[in-house]
């Protein structure tokens, strides 16, 4: 329900943020 949706959204945002940061750091090298 609502909790699973909120939790899923938070996890997705965290994964996307980590992916973007990882790609940015990798491209800097």
C-alpha atoms as a PDB file:
ATOM      1  CA  UNK A   1       0.000   0.000   0.000  1.00  0.00           C
ATOM      2  CA  UNK A   2       1.176   3.496   0.889  1.00  0.00           C
ATOM      3  CA  UNK A   3       4.166   2.316   2.946  1.00  0.00           C
ATOM      4  CA  UNK A   4       5.480   0.006   0.216  1.00  0.00           C
ATOM      5  CA  UNK A   5       5.120   2.804  -2.328  1.00  0.00           C
ATOM      6  CA  UNK A   6       6.978   5.309  -0.148  1.00  0.00           C
ATOM      7  CA  UNK A   7       9.703   2.785   0.666  1.00  0.00           C
ATOM      8  CA  UNK A   8      10.082   1.802  -3.002  1.00  0.00           C
ATOM      9  CA  UNK A   9      10.287   5.445  -4.074  1.00  0.00           C
ATOM     10  CA  UNK A  10      12.937   6.202  -1.470  1.00  0.00           C
ATOM     11  CA  UNK A  11      15.024   3.193  -2.501  1.00  0.00           C
ATOM     12  CA  UNK A  12      14.734   4.120  -6.179  1.00  0.00           C
ATOM     13  CA  UNK A  13      15.851   7.713  -5.498  1.00  0.00           C
ATOM     14  CA  UNK A  14      18.801   6.441  -3.456  1.00  0.00           C
ATOM     15  CA  UNK A  15      19.868   3.990  -6.173  1.00  0.00           C
ATOM     16  CA  UNK A  16      19.566   6.643  -8.897  1.00  0.00           C
ATOM     17  CA  UNK A  17      21.564   9.154  -6.822  1.00  0.00           C
ATOM     18  CA  UNK A  18      24.294   6.568  -6.155  1.00  0.00           C
ATOM     19  CA  UNK A  19      24.383   5.595  -9.836  1.00  0.00           C
ATOM     20  CA  UNK A  20      24.709   9.226 -10.980  1.00  0.00           C
ATOM     21  CA  UNK A  21      27.433   9.904  -8.394  1.00  0.00           C
ATOM     22  CA  UNK A  22      29.297   6.725  -9.354  1.00  0.00           C
ATOM     23  CA  UNK A  23      29.148   7.577 -13.066  1.00  0.00           C
ATOM     24  CA  UNK A  24      30.305  11.159 -12.407  1.00  0.00           C
ATOM     25  CA  UNK A  25      33.257  10.021 -10.276  1.00  0.00           C
ATOM     26  CA  UNK A  26      34.166   7.381 -12.858  1.00  0.00           C
ATOM     27  CA  UNK A  27      34.090   9.928 -15.686  1.00  0.00           C
ATOM     28  CA  UNK A  28      36.361  12.310 -13.731  1.00  0.00           C
ATOM     29  CA  UNK A  29      39.153   9.745 -13.830  1.00  0.00           C
END
